[in-house]
Amino acid sequence: MAEQQGSGAPDGPDDAHRRPEGVDDATVEALGKLSEALETVEHARGLLYGFHQTTGRADIMLADAVEQLRAVGAGALADRIETELLGRNVIAGRWTFQVVEDYDDGYWSLFRELERAAREELAGGRRHLYEAEMKERERTHGLPGHEARPVPEG
């Protein structure tokens, strides 16, 4: 394996990001699309956790608003908000933590499991082959800031 001039780092991806022998372009592309879909699901999961936290903060603020409404003499309105809205399910039978748990235990877990199984079966478990090959095509070999992998310190 050639070394980059002056860096001491090997020029090329590490073994974990090299295409196994016998894996064709179409397979690398399909696994890349599957990985991209998983990344999108991971983003959606983050948004779901944001929804969970934001809704929880809103409920805490709502409790404060109820107390402030009572303090200004709007007790009947405060009682109605407290009774009908404070602590209400956001989806039938569920608070947001239950939505997050259902998503995590069902769709998200199965998605991750099947993406991993596809990588294991088709590429020896290697991740991001599509991206690693794209990096090799697009970087300028030998130019600082374009190394194939981290430059060893020292």
N, C-alpha and C. Protein backbone atom coordinates (compact mmCIF):
# COMPACT_ATOMS: atom_id res chain seq x y z
N MET A 1 0.85 -1.18 0.00
CA MET A 1 0.00 0.00 0.00
C MET A 1 0.89 1.24 0.00
N ALA A 2 0.63 2.17 -0.89
CA ALA A 2 1.45 3.38 -0.99
C ALA A 2 1.16 4.32 0.17
N GLU A 3 2.17 5.09 0.54
CA GLU A 3 1.97 6.09 1.59
C GLU A 3 1.86 7.46 0.96
N GLN A 4 1.08 8.34 1.60
CA GLN A 4 0.98 9.71 1.15
C GLN A 4 2.28 10.42 1.45
N GLN A 5 2.68 11.31 0.57
CA GLN A 5 3.93 12.02 0.77
C GLN A 5 3.89 12.82 2.06
N GLY A 6 4.85 12.57 2.92
CA GLY A 6 5.04 13.36 4.12
C GLY A 6 4.08 13.08 5.25
N SER A 7 3.03 12.34 5.04
CA SER A 7 2.05 12.17 6.12
C SER A 7 2.29 10.91 6.93
N GLY A 8 2.87 9.90 6.33
CA GLY A 8 3.07 8.64 7.02
C GLY A 8 1.82 7.78 7.05
N ALA A 9 0.71 8.27 6.51
CA ALA A 9 -0.54 7.51 6.51
C ALA A 9 -0.66 6.72 5.22
N PRO A 10 -1.14 5.50 5.28
CA PRO A 10 -1.38 4.73 4.05
C PRO A 10 -2.37 5.46 3.15
N ASP A 11 -2.16 5.34 1.86
CA ASP A 11 -3.03 6.01 0.89
C ASP A 11 -4.10 5.03 0.41
N GLY A 12 -5.27 5.14 0.99
CA GLY A 12 -6.39 4.29 0.61
C GLY A 12 -7.21 3.96 1.83
N PRO A 13 -8.40 3.47 1.62
CA PRO A 13 -9.27 3.15 2.76
C PRO A 13 -8.71 1.99 3.58
N ASP A 14 -9.11 1.94 4.84
CA ASP A 14 -8.71 0.81 5.68
C ASP A 14 -9.49 -0.44 5.25
N ASP A 15 -9.09 -1.58 5.75
CA ASP A 15 -9.71 -2.85 5.33
C ASP A 15 -11.22 -2.88 5.58
N ALA A 16 -11.67 -2.23 6.65
CA ALA A 16 -13.10 -2.23 6.97
C ALA A 16 -13.92 -1.48 5.93
N HIS A 17 -13.26 -0.68 5.09
CA HIS A 17 -13.97 0.11 4.09
C HIS A 17 -13.54 -0.25 2.66
N ARG A 18 -12.99 -1.45 2.50
CA ARG A 18 -12.65 -1.95 1.17
C ARG A 18 -13.68 -3.00 0.77
N ARG A 19 -14.06 -2.95 -0.47
CA ARG A 19 -15.03 -3.90 -1.02
C ARG A 19 -14.46 -5.31 -0.96
N PRO A 20 -15.20 -6.25 -0.39
CA PRO A 20 -14.74 -7.63 -0.39
C PRO A 20 -14.70 -8.18 -1.82
N GLU A 21 -13.82 -9.11 -2.05
CA GLU A 21 -13.70 -9.72 -3.37
C GLU A 21 -15.04 -10.35 -3.76
N GLY A 22 -15.42 -10.14 -5.01
CA GLY A 22 -16.64 -10.74 -5.53
C GLY A 22 -17.90 -9.89 -5.36
N VAL A 23 -17.78 -8.75 -4.65
CA VAL A 23 -18.94 -7.87 -4.49
C VAL A 23 -18.97 -6.90 -5.65
N ASP A 24 -20.08 -6.89 -6.40
CA ASP A 24 -20.15 -6.06 -7.60
C ASP A 24 -20.68 -4.66 -7.30
N ASP A 25 -20.60 -3.81 -8.31
CA ASP A 25 -21.02 -2.42 -8.18
C ASP A 25 -22.49 -2.30 -7.76
N ALA A 26 -23.34 -3.10 -8.37
CA ALA A 26 -24.78 -3.02 -8.08
C ALA A 26 -25.05 -3.35 -6.61
N THR A 27 -24.31 -4.30 -6.05
CA THR A 27 -24.48 -4.66 -4.64
C THR A 27 -24.02 -3.52 -3.74
N VAL A 28 -22.87 -2.94 -4.05
CA VAL A 28 -22.37 -1.80 -3.27
C VAL A 28 -23.37 -0.65 -3.33
N GLU A 29 -23.94 -0.41 -4.51
CA GLU A 29 -24.92 0.65 -4.66
C GLU A 29 -26.20 0.36 -3.86
N ALA A 30 -26.66 -0.87 -3.91
CA ALA A 30 -27.87 -1.25 -3.16
C ALA A 30 -27.64 -1.11 -1.66
N LEU A 31 -26.48 -1.56 -1.19
CA LEU A 31 -26.17 -1.43 0.24
C LEU A 31 -26.01 0.04 0.62
N GLY A 32 -25.48 0.84 -0.30
CA GLY A 32 -25.37 2.28 -0.05
C GLY A 32 -26.74 2.92 0.11
N LYS A 33 -27.68 2.52 -0.73
CA LYS A 33 -29.04 3.07 -0.64
C LYS A 33 -29.72 2.62 0.65
N LEU A 34 -29.49 1.37 1.04
CA LEU A 34 -30.04 0.86 2.30
C LEU A 34 -29.46 1.62 3.49
N SER A 35 -28.16 1.89 3.45
CA SER A 35 -27.51 2.67 4.50
C SER A 35 -28.07 4.09 4.55
N GLU A 36 -28.27 4.68 3.38
CA GLU A 36 -28.84 6.03 3.32
C GLU A 36 -30.25 6.04 3.92
N ALA A 37 -31.03 5.02 3.63
CA ALA A 37 -32.38 4.92 4.20
C ALA A 37 -32.31 4.80 5.71
N LEU A 38 -31.36 4.00 6.23
CA LEU A 38 -31.20 3.88 7.68
C LEU A 38 -30.80 5.22 8.29
N GLU A 39 -29.90 5.94 7.64
CA GLU A 39 -29.51 7.25 8.15
C GLU A 39 -30.71 8.18 8.23
N THR A 40 -31.60 8.09 7.25
CA THR A 40 -32.81 8.91 7.26
C THR A 40 -33.72 8.51 8.40
N VAL A 41 -33.82 7.23 8.67
CA VAL A 41 -34.61 6.75 9.81
C VAL A 41 -33.99 7.22 11.12
N GLU A 42 -32.67 7.22 11.20
CA GLU A 42 -31.99 7.72 12.40
C GLU A 42 -32.31 9.20 12.61
N HIS A 43 -32.34 9.95 11.54
CA HIS A 43 -32.71 11.37 11.62
C HIS A 43 -34.16 11.51 12.10
N ALA A 44 -35.04 10.70 11.53
CA ALA A 44 -36.45 10.72 11.95
C ALA A 44 -36.57 10.39 13.43
N ARG A 45 -35.78 9.44 13.90
CA ARG A 45 -35.80 9.06 15.32
C ARG A 45 -35.38 10.25 16.18
N GLY A 46 -34.36 10.97 15.74
CA GLY A 46 -33.93 12.16 16.47
C GLY A 46 -35.04 13.20 16.53
N LEU A 47 -35.73 13.38 15.41
CA LEU A 47 -36.86 14.31 15.40
C LEU A 47 -37.97 13.85 16.34
N LEU A 48 -38.18 12.53 16.38
CA LEU A 48 -39.20 11.99 17.28
C LEU A 48 -38.83 12.26 18.74
N TYR A 49 -37.56 12.08 19.09
CA TYR A 49 -37.12 12.41 20.45
C TYR A 49 -37.26 13.90 20.72
N GLY A 50 -36.99 14.74 19.69
CA GLY A 50 -37.21 16.18 19.84
C GLY A 50 -38.68 16.48 20.09
N PHE A 51 -39.56 15.81 19.37
CA PHE A 51 -41.00 15.95 19.57
C PHE A 51 -41.38 15.56 21.01
N HIS A 52 -40.81 14.45 21.47
CA HIS A 52 -41.06 13.96 22.82
C HIS A 52 -40.63 15.01 23.85
N GLN A 53 -39.42 15.53 23.72
CA GLN A 53 -38.91 16.50 24.69
C GLN A 53 -39.65 17.83 24.61
N THR A 54 -39.94 18.29 23.40
CA THR A 54 -40.62 19.56 23.23
C THR A 54 -42.05 19.49 23.77
N THR A 55 -42.74 18.40 23.50
CA THR A 55 -44.09 18.24 24.02
C THR A 55 -44.08 18.19 25.55
N GLY A 56 -43.09 17.50 26.11
CA GLY A 56 -42.97 17.45 27.57
C GLY A 56 -42.74 18.82 28.17
N ARG A 57 -41.86 19.62 27.54
CA ARG A 57 -41.62 20.99 28.03
C ARG A 57 -42.89 21.82 27.93
N ALA A 58 -43.64 21.65 26.84
CA ALA A 58 -44.89 22.39 26.68
C ALA A 58 -45.87 22.02 27.78
N ASP A 59 -45.94 20.77 28.15
CA ASP A 59 -46.85 20.34 29.22
C ASP A 59 -46.46 20.97 30.56
N ILE A 60 -45.16 21.07 30.82
CA ILE A 60 -44.69 21.71 32.05
C ILE A 60 -45.05 23.20 32.03
N MET A 61 -44.86 23.84 30.87
CA MET A 61 -45.24 25.26 30.73
C MET A 61 -46.75 25.43 30.91
N LEU A 62 -47.50 24.48 30.41
CA LEU A 62 -48.95 24.53 30.53
C LEU A 62 -49.36 24.49 31.99
N ALA A 63 -48.69 23.67 32.79
CA ALA A 63 -48.98 23.62 34.22
C ALA A 63 -48.71 24.98 34.87
N ASP A 64 -47.60 25.62 34.46
CA ASP A 64 -47.30 26.96 34.97
C ASP A 64 -48.38 27.96 34.56
N ALA A 65 -48.82 27.87 33.32
CA ALA A 65 -49.86 28.77 32.82
C ALA A 65 -51.15 28.59 33.60
N VAL A 66 -51.49 27.36 33.92
CA VAL A 66 -52.70 27.09 34.72
C VAL A 66 -52.61 27.81 36.06
N GLU A 67 -51.47 27.71 36.72
CA GLU A 67 -51.30 28.40 38.02
C GLU A 67 -51.38 29.90 37.85
N GLN A 68 -50.80 30.44 36.79
CA GLN A 68 -50.86 31.88 36.56
C GLN A 68 -52.29 32.33 36.24
N LEU A 69 -53.03 31.54 35.51
CA LEU A 69 -54.44 31.87 35.24
C LEU A 69 -55.25 31.89 36.53
N ARG A 70 -54.98 30.93 37.39
CA ARG A 70 -55.67 30.94 38.69
C ARG A 70 -55.33 32.20 39.48
N ALA A 71 -54.06 32.60 39.44
CA ALA A 71 -53.60 33.77 40.19
C ALA A 71 -54.24 35.06 39.70
N VAL A 72 -54.62 35.11 38.42
CA VAL A 72 -55.27 36.33 37.91
C VAL A 72 -56.79 36.22 37.94
N GLY A 73 -57.30 35.20 38.62
CA GLY A 73 -58.74 35.09 38.81
C GLY A 73 -59.47 34.33 37.72
N ALA A 74 -58.77 33.64 36.86
CA ALA A 74 -59.43 32.88 35.79
C ALA A 74 -59.48 31.40 36.18
N GLY A 75 -60.01 31.14 37.38
CA GLY A 75 -60.02 29.78 37.92
C GLY A 75 -60.80 28.79 37.08
N ALA A 76 -61.93 29.19 36.55
CA ALA A 76 -62.74 28.26 35.74
C ALA A 76 -61.99 27.85 34.48
N LEU A 77 -61.34 28.81 33.84
CA LEU A 77 -60.56 28.52 32.64
C LEU A 77 -59.36 27.65 33.00
N ALA A 78 -58.71 27.96 34.10
CA ALA A 78 -57.57 27.17 34.57
C ALA A 78 -58.00 25.74 34.84
N ASP A 79 -59.16 25.57 35.49
CA ASP A 79 -59.66 24.23 35.79
C ASP A 79 -59.93 23.45 34.51
N ARG A 80 -60.52 24.12 33.51
CA ARG A 80 -60.83 23.44 32.26
C ARG A 80 -59.54 23.00 31.55
N ILE A 81 -58.56 23.89 31.47
CA ILE A 81 -57.29 23.55 30.83
C ILE A 81 -56.62 22.40 31.58
N GLU A 82 -56.62 22.48 32.90
CA GLU A 82 -55.99 21.43 33.71
C GLU A 82 -56.69 20.09 33.51
N THR A 83 -58.00 20.11 33.47
CA THR A 83 -58.77 18.88 33.36
C THR A 83 -58.72 18.29 31.95
N GLU A 84 -58.87 19.14 30.93
CA GLU A 84 -59.00 18.63 29.57
C GLU A 84 -57.69 18.48 28.81
N LEU A 85 -56.69 19.31 29.14
CA LEU A 85 -55.48 19.32 28.32
C LEU A 85 -54.22 18.88 29.06
N LEU A 86 -54.03 19.33 30.27
CA LEU A 86 -52.81 18.99 31.00
C LEU A 86 -52.73 17.48 31.22
N GLY A 87 -51.63 16.88 30.76
CA GLY A 87 -51.45 15.44 30.93
C GLY A 87 -52.21 14.58 29.95
N ARG A 88 -52.82 15.21 28.96
CA ARG A 88 -53.61 14.47 27.97
C ARG A 88 -52.70 13.61 27.09
N ASN A 89 -53.20 12.49 26.63
CA ASN A 89 -52.50 11.66 25.65
C ASN A 89 -52.33 12.45 24.36
N VAL A 90 -51.16 12.34 23.73
CA VAL A 90 -50.95 13.03 22.45
C VAL A 90 -51.47 12.21 21.28
N ILE A 91 -51.50 10.92 21.44
CA ILE A 91 -52.07 9.97 20.48
C ILE A 91 -52.89 9.00 21.33
N ALA A 92 -53.95 8.49 20.80
CA ALA A 92 -54.86 7.63 21.57
C ALA A 92 -54.11 6.66 22.48
N GLY A 93 -54.28 6.85 23.79
CA GLY A 93 -53.69 5.95 24.77
C GLY A 93 -52.22 6.15 25.04
N ARG A 94 -51.60 7.14 24.41
CA ARG A 94 -50.13 7.25 24.54
C ARG A 94 -49.69 8.68 24.83
N TRP A 95 -48.72 8.76 25.73
CA TRP A 95 -47.90 9.95 25.88
C TRP A 95 -46.74 9.79 24.92
N THR A 96 -45.94 10.83 24.77
CA THR A 96 -44.86 10.77 23.79
C THR A 96 -43.81 9.71 24.12
N PHE A 97 -43.56 9.44 25.41
CA PHE A 97 -42.56 8.41 25.73
C PHE A 97 -43.01 7.05 25.21
N GLN A 98 -44.30 6.81 25.19
CA GLN A 98 -44.81 5.54 24.68
C GLN A 98 -44.69 5.46 23.15
N VAL A 99 -44.86 6.60 22.49
CA VAL A 99 -44.68 6.65 21.03
C VAL A 99 -43.23 6.34 20.71
N VAL A 100 -42.29 6.97 21.44
CA VAL A 100 -40.86 6.74 21.24
C VAL A 100 -40.53 5.27 21.48
N GLU A 101 -41.03 4.70 22.55
CA GLU A 101 -40.74 3.30 22.86
C GLU A 101 -41.27 2.37 21.77
N ASP A 102 -42.49 2.61 21.31
CA ASP A 102 -43.04 1.77 20.24
C ASP A 102 -42.21 1.88 18.97
N TYR A 103 -41.78 3.09 18.62
CA TYR A 103 -40.96 3.29 17.43
C TYR A 103 -39.62 2.56 17.59
N ASP A 104 -38.99 2.75 18.75
CA ASP A 104 -37.69 2.12 19.00
C ASP A 104 -37.79 0.59 18.99
N ASP A 105 -38.79 0.06 19.67
CA ASP A 105 -38.91 -1.39 19.80
C ASP A 105 -39.39 -2.08 18.53
N GLY A 106 -40.07 -1.34 17.67
CA GLY A 106 -40.62 -1.92 16.46
C GLY A 106 -39.83 -1.53 15.23
N TYR A 107 -40.27 -0.49 14.57
CA TYR A 107 -39.75 -0.09 13.26
C TYR A 107 -38.24 0.14 13.27
N TRP A 108 -37.75 0.97 14.20
CA TRP A 108 -36.33 1.33 14.23
C TRP A 108 -35.44 0.11 14.47
N SER A 109 -35.81 -0.72 15.44
CA SER A 109 -35.00 -1.90 15.76
C SER A 109 -34.97 -2.88 14.59
N LEU A 110 -36.12 -3.12 13.97
CA LEU A 110 -36.17 -4.03 12.82
C LEU A 110 -35.37 -3.47 11.65
N PHE A 111 -35.47 -2.18 11.40
CA PHE A 111 -34.73 -1.55 10.31
C PHE A 111 -33.24 -1.77 10.50
N ARG A 112 -32.75 -1.49 11.71
CA ARG A 112 -31.32 -1.67 12.00
C ARG A 112 -30.90 -3.13 11.84
N GLU A 113 -31.74 -4.02 12.34
CA GLU A 113 -31.43 -5.46 12.25
C GLU A 113 -31.31 -5.92 10.80
N LEU A 114 -32.26 -5.51 9.96
CA LEU A 114 -32.26 -5.94 8.57
C LEU A 114 -31.14 -5.28 7.76
N GLU A 115 -30.81 -4.03 8.08
CA GLU A 115 -29.69 -3.38 7.40
C GLU A 115 -28.39 -4.10 7.74
N ARG A 116 -28.22 -4.45 9.01
CA ARG A 116 -27.02 -5.19 9.44
C ARG A 116 -26.97 -6.56 8.77
N ALA A 117 -28.11 -7.26 8.71
CA ALA A 117 -28.16 -8.58 8.08
C ALA A 117 -27.77 -8.49 6.60
N ALA A 118 -28.24 -7.46 5.92
CA ALA A 118 -27.90 -7.29 4.50
C ALA A 118 -26.40 -7.07 4.34
N ARG A 119 -25.81 -6.23 5.19
CA ARG A 119 -24.36 -6.01 5.11
C ARG A 119 -23.58 -7.28 5.39
N GLU A 120 -24.03 -8.03 6.40
CA GLU A 120 -23.35 -9.29 6.75
C GLU A 120 -23.40 -10.27 5.59
N GLU A 121 -24.59 -10.42 5.01
CA GLU A 121 -24.77 -11.40 3.94
C GLU A 121 -24.06 -11.01 2.65
N LEU A 122 -24.08 -9.73 2.31
CA LEU A 122 -23.60 -9.30 1.00
C LEU A 122 -22.20 -8.71 0.98
N ALA A 123 -21.71 -8.22 2.14
CA ALA A 123 -20.42 -7.51 2.13
C ALA A 123 -19.58 -7.81 3.37
N GLY A 124 -19.78 -8.94 3.98
CA GLY A 124 -18.96 -9.30 5.14
C GLY A 124 -19.12 -8.35 6.30
N GLY A 125 -20.27 -7.67 6.38
CA GLY A 125 -20.54 -6.77 7.49
C GLY A 125 -19.96 -5.38 7.33
N ARG A 126 -19.26 -5.14 6.24
CA ARG A 126 -18.61 -3.83 6.06
C ARG A 126 -19.64 -2.73 5.84
N ARG A 127 -19.35 -1.59 6.47
CA ARG A 127 -20.24 -0.43 6.39
C ARG A 127 -19.68 0.63 5.44
N HIS A 128 -20.57 1.40 4.90
CA HIS A 128 -20.25 2.60 4.11
C HIS A 128 -19.28 2.34 2.95
N LEU A 129 -19.42 1.20 2.29
CA LEU A 129 -18.56 0.92 1.14
C LEU A 129 -18.80 1.93 0.01
N TYR A 130 -20.04 2.25 -0.22
CA TYR A 130 -20.37 3.20 -1.29
C TYR A 130 -19.68 4.54 -1.03
N GLU A 131 -19.79 5.03 0.21
CA GLU A 131 -19.18 6.31 0.55
C GLU A 131 -17.66 6.24 0.51
N ALA A 132 -17.08 5.12 0.98
CA ALA A 132 -15.63 4.97 0.97
C ALA A 132 -15.10 5.00 -0.45
N GLU A 133 -15.81 4.36 -1.37
CA GLU A 133 -15.38 4.37 -2.76
C GLU A 133 -15.57 5.74 -3.39
N MET A 134 -16.64 6.44 -3.00
CA MET A 134 -16.86 7.80 -3.48
C MET A 134 -15.71 8.71 -3.01
N LYS A 135 -15.32 8.55 -1.76
CA LYS A 135 -14.22 9.35 -1.22
C LYS A 135 -12.95 9.11 -2.04
N GLU A 136 -12.66 7.85 -2.36
CA GLU A 136 -11.46 7.54 -3.14
C GLU A 136 -11.51 8.18 -4.52
N ARG A 137 -12.71 8.23 -5.12
CA ARG A 137 -12.84 8.84 -6.46
C ARG A 137 -12.69 10.36 -6.39
N GLU A 138 -13.20 10.97 -5.33
CA GLU A 138 -13.32 12.43 -5.31
C GLU A 138 -12.17 13.16 -4.63
N ARG A 139 -11.42 12.50 -3.75
CA ARG A 139 -10.36 13.22 -3.05
C ARG A 139 -9.16 13.41 -3.96
N THR A 140 -8.33 14.39 -3.63
CA THR A 140 -7.10 14.63 -4.37
C THR A 140 -5.98 13.92 -3.63
N HIS A 141 -5.54 12.82 -4.18
CA HIS A 141 -4.51 12.00 -3.53
C HIS A 141 -3.24 12.82 -3.32
N GLY A 142 -2.68 12.71 -2.10
CA GLY A 142 -1.43 13.38 -1.78
C GLY A 142 -1.58 14.80 -1.28
N LEU A 143 -2.77 15.38 -1.35
CA LEU A 143 -2.98 16.76 -0.91
C LEU A 143 -3.42 16.79 0.55
N PRO A 144 -2.79 17.62 1.39
CA PRO A 144 -3.24 17.72 2.78
C PRO A 144 -4.72 18.05 2.86
N GLY A 145 -5.39 17.41 3.80
CA GLY A 145 -6.83 17.58 3.94
C GLY A 145 -7.63 16.60 3.09
N HIS A 146 -6.94 15.81 2.29
CA HIS A 146 -7.58 14.83 1.43
C HIS A 146 -7.11 13.41 1.75
N GLU A 147 -6.57 13.21 2.95
CA GLU A 147 -6.06 11.89 3.33
C GLU A 147 -7.18 10.85 3.29
N ALA A 148 -6.78 9.62 3.05
CA ALA A 148 -7.75 8.51 3.01
C ALA A 148 -8.29 8.19 4.39
N ARG A 149 -7.48 8.42 5.39
CA ARG A 149 -7.87 8.12 6.78
C ARG A 149 -7.09 9.04 7.72
N PRO A 150 -7.41 9.03 8.98
CA PRO A 150 -6.73 9.95 9.91
C PRO A 150 -5.21 9.78 9.87
N VAL A 151 -4.53 10.89 9.96
CA VAL A 151 -3.08 10.89 9.97
C VAL A 151 -2.60 10.56 11.38
N PRO A 152 -1.71 9.58 11.53
CA PRO A 152 -1.24 9.23 12.87
C PRO A 152 -0.51 10.41 13.51
N GLU A 153 -0.75 10.58 14.79
CA GLU A 153 -0.08 11.67 15.52
C GLU A 153 1.34 11.25 15.88
N GLY A 154 2.20 12.24 15.95
CA GLY A 154 3.54 11.96 16.46
C GLY A 154 4.60 12.23 15.53
